[in-house]
Amino acid sequence: MAQYTSQFKVQVAKEALKARTYAEVGKKYGLNLSQVKRWAADYNKFGELAFEEHGPEKFQEQRIRDLQRQLAELQEENDILKKATAFFSKRNL
């Protein structure tokens, strides 16, 4: 089985996502259809990290960090809104 570079896989995946059919891209590069589909799906899911060693894991770790940051921001906003609600409800009494 041939080994392909990550740059080659990214190139094929990008072309496959832009092409009318995956078969066109497969024929152009001498690849079977299932391989082109898998590379395109992996690229869609993980982006440039899809074909790097431990790339999907790095992608997931980054996604978790982003979600944790977003959660912290939303919790802070929620606390501020709770305090504002309490302040204005006391003021209106």
C-alpha atoms as a PDB file:
ATOM      1  CA  MET A   1       0.000   0.000   0.000  1.00  0.00           C
ATOM      2  CA  ALA A   2       1.349   3.396  -0.959  1.00  0.00           C
ATOM      3  CA  GLN A   3       2.103   6.006   1.683  1.00  0.00           C
ATOM      4  CA  TYR A   4       0.944   9.503   0.860  1.00  0.00           C
ATOM      5  CA  THR A   5       2.110  12.712   2.481  1.00  0.00           C
ATOM      6  CA  SER A   6      -0.292  14.708   4.587  1.00  0.00           C
ATOM      7  CA  GLN A   7       0.063  17.618   2.142  1.00  0.00           C
ATOM      8  CA  PHE A   8      -0.999  15.367  -0.730  1.00  0.00           C
ATOM      9  CA  LYS A   9      -4.010  14.101   1.215  1.00  0.00           C
ATOM     10  CA  VAL A  10      -5.061  17.677   2.064  1.00  0.00           C
ATOM     11  CA  GLN A  11      -4.714  18.670  -1.597  1.00  0.00           C
ATOM     12  CA  VAL A  12      -6.816  15.713  -2.749  1.00  0.00           C
ATOM     13  CA  ALA A  13      -9.427  16.317  -0.041  1.00  0.00           C
ATOM     14  CA  LYS A  14      -9.759  20.007  -0.934  1.00  0.00           C
ATOM     15  CA  GLU A  15     -10.121  19.196  -4.617  1.00  0.00           C
ATOM     16  CA  ALA A  16     -12.642  16.470  -3.848  1.00  0.00           C
ATOM     17  CA  LEU A  17     -14.789  18.868  -1.851  1.00  0.00           C
ATOM     18  CA  LYS A  18     -14.781  21.352  -4.747  1.00  0.00           C
ATOM     19  CA  ALA A  19     -15.179  18.825  -7.571  1.00  0.00           C
ATOM     20  CA  ARG A  20     -18.469  17.662  -9.043  1.00  0.00           C
ATOM     21  CA  THR A  21     -17.673  14.065  -8.122  1.00  0.00           C
ATOM     22  CA  TYR A  22     -15.099  12.251  -6.032  1.00  0.00           C
ATOM     23  CA  ALA A  23     -14.580   9.892  -8.946  1.00  0.00           C
ATOM     24  CA  GLU A  24     -13.084  12.740 -11.021  1.00  0.00           C
ATOM     25  CA  VAL A  25     -10.481  13.417  -8.361  1.00  0.00           C
ATOM     26  CA  GLY A  26      -9.779   9.742  -7.838  1.00  0.00           C
ATOM     27  CA  LYS A  27      -9.215   9.252 -11.543  1.00  0.00           C
ATOM     28  CA  LYS A  28      -6.965  12.304 -11.749  1.00  0.00           C
ATOM     29  CA  TYR A  29      -4.664  11.002  -8.990  1.00  0.00           C
ATOM     30  CA  GLY A  30      -5.093   7.273  -9.548  1.00  0.00           C
ATOM     31  CA  LEU A  31      -6.897   6.719  -6.241  1.00  0.00           C
ATOM     32  CA  ASN A  32      -9.950   4.618  -5.522  1.00  0.00           C
ATOM     33  CA  LEU A  33     -13.237   6.302  -4.743  1.00  0.00           C
ATOM     34  CA  SER A  34     -13.463   5.131  -1.129  1.00  0.00           C
ATOM     35  CA  GLN A  35     -10.046   6.583  -0.350  1.00  0.00           C
ATOM     36  CA  VAL A  36     -10.976   9.977  -1.776  1.00  0.00           C
ATOM     37  CA  LYS A  37     -14.272   9.941   0.156  1.00  0.00           C
ATOM     38  CA  ARG A  38     -12.498   9.041   3.412  1.00  0.00           C
ATOM     39  CA  TRP A  39      -9.890  11.776   2.975  1.00  0.00           C
ATOM     40  CA  ALA A  40     -12.568  14.351   2.155  1.00  0.00           C
ATOM     41  CA  ALA A  41     -14.622  13.320   5.206  1.00  0.00           C
ATOM     42  CA  ASP A  42     -11.568  13.423   7.473  1.00  0.00           C
ATOM     43  CA  TYR A  43     -10.602  16.845   6.136  1.00  0.00           C
ATOM     44  CA  ASN A  44     -14.157  18.106   6.641  1.00  0.00           C
ATOM     45  CA  LYS A  45     -14.126  16.889  10.230  1.00  0.00           C
ATOM     46  CA  PHE A  46     -10.580  17.759  11.360  1.00  0.00           C
ATOM     47  CA  GLY A  47      -9.315  20.323   8.851  1.00  0.00           C
ATOM     48  CA  GLU A  48      -5.577  20.587   8.222  1.00  0.00           C
ATOM     49  CA  LEU A  49      -4.855  18.369  11.246  1.00  0.00           C
ATOM     50  CA  ALA A  50      -6.683  15.386   9.718  1.00  0.00           C
ATOM     51  CA  PHE A  51      -3.604  13.785   8.228  1.00  0.00           C
ATOM     52  CA  GLU A  52      -0.941  14.731  10.741  1.00  0.00           C
ATOM     53  CA  GLU A  53       0.269  12.262  13.318  1.00  0.00           C
ATOM     54  CA  HIS A  54      -2.116  12.563  16.275  1.00  0.00           C
ATOM     55  CA  GLY A  55      -3.923  15.303  14.334  1.00  0.00           C
ATOM     56  CA  PRO A  56      -7.485  14.269  15.241  1.00  0.00           C
ATOM     57  CA  GLU A  57      -6.492  14.093  18.904  1.00  0.00           C
ATOM     58  CA  LYS A  58      -4.979  17.581  18.692  1.00  0.00           C
ATOM     59  CA  PHE A  59      -8.148  18.814  17.017  1.00  0.00           C
ATOM     60  CA  GLN A  60     -10.302  17.324  19.780  1.00  0.00           C
ATOM     61  CA  GLU A  61      -8.071  18.797  22.491  1.00  0.00           C
ATOM     62  CA  GLN A  62      -8.301  22.244  20.891  1.00  0.00           C
ATOM     63  CA  ARG A  63     -12.064  21.891  20.582  1.00  0.00           C
ATOM     64  CA  ILE A  64     -12.319  20.981  24.284  1.00  0.00           C
ATOM     65  CA  ARG A  65     -10.215  24.016  25.257  1.00  0.00           C
ATOM     66  CA  ASP A  66     -12.401  26.273  23.116  1.00  0.00           C
ATOM     67  CA  LEU A  67     -15.574  24.885  24.657  1.00  0.00           C
ATOM     68  CA  GLN A  68     -14.176  25.236  28.181  1.00  0.00           C
ATOM     69  CA  ARG A  69     -13.293  28.876  27.462  1.00  0.00           C
ATOM     70  CA  GLN A  70     -16.759  29.497  26.058  1.00  0.00           C
ATOM     71  CA  LEU A  71     -18.382  27.824  29.077  1.00  0.00           C
ATOM     72  CA  ALA A  72     -16.394  30.021  31.479  1.00  0.00           C
ATOM     73  CA  GLU A  73     -17.452  33.148  29.589  1.00  0.00           C
ATOM     74  CA  LEU A  74     -21.109  32.124  29.617  1.00  0.00           C
ATOM     75  CA  GLN A  75     -20.996  31.304  33.326  1.00  0.00           C
ATOM     76  CA  GLU A  76     -19.507  34.730  34.034  1.00  0.00           C
ATOM     77  CA  GLU A  77     -22.179  36.438  31.921  1.00  0.00           C
ATOM     78  CA  ASN A  78     -24.859  34.421  33.719  1.00  0.00           C
ATOM     79  CA  ASP A  79     -23.513  35.503  37.122  1.00  0.00           C
ATOM     80  CA  ILE A  80     -23.531  39.145  36.029  1.00  0.00           C
ATOM     81  CA  LEU A  81     -27.130  38.854  34.841  1.00  0.00           C
ATOM     82  CA  LYS A  82     -28.186  37.234  38.121  1.00  0.00           C
ATOM     83  CA  LYS A  83     -26.598  40.076  40.097  1.00  0.00           C
ATOM     84  CA  ALA A  84     -28.195  42.698  37.857  1.00  0.00           C
ATOM     85  CA  THR A  85     -31.596  41.051  38.242  1.00  0.00           C
ATOM     86  CA  ALA A  86     -31.232  40.980  42.015  1.00  0.00           C
ATOM     87  CA  PHE A  87     -30.115  44.617  42.077  1.00  0.00           C
ATOM     88  CA  PHE A  88     -32.983  45.885  39.946  1.00  0.00           C
ATOM     89  CA  SER A  89     -35.618  43.807  41.721  1.00  0.00           C
ATOM     90  CA  LYS A  90     -34.498  45.271  45.110  1.00  0.00           C
ATOM     91  CA  ARG A  91     -34.537  48.757  43.639  1.00  0.00           C
ATOM     92  CA  ASN A  92     -38.113  48.449  42.429  1.00  0.00           C
ATOM     93  CA  LEU A  93     -39.475  47.476  45.853  1.00  0.00           C
END
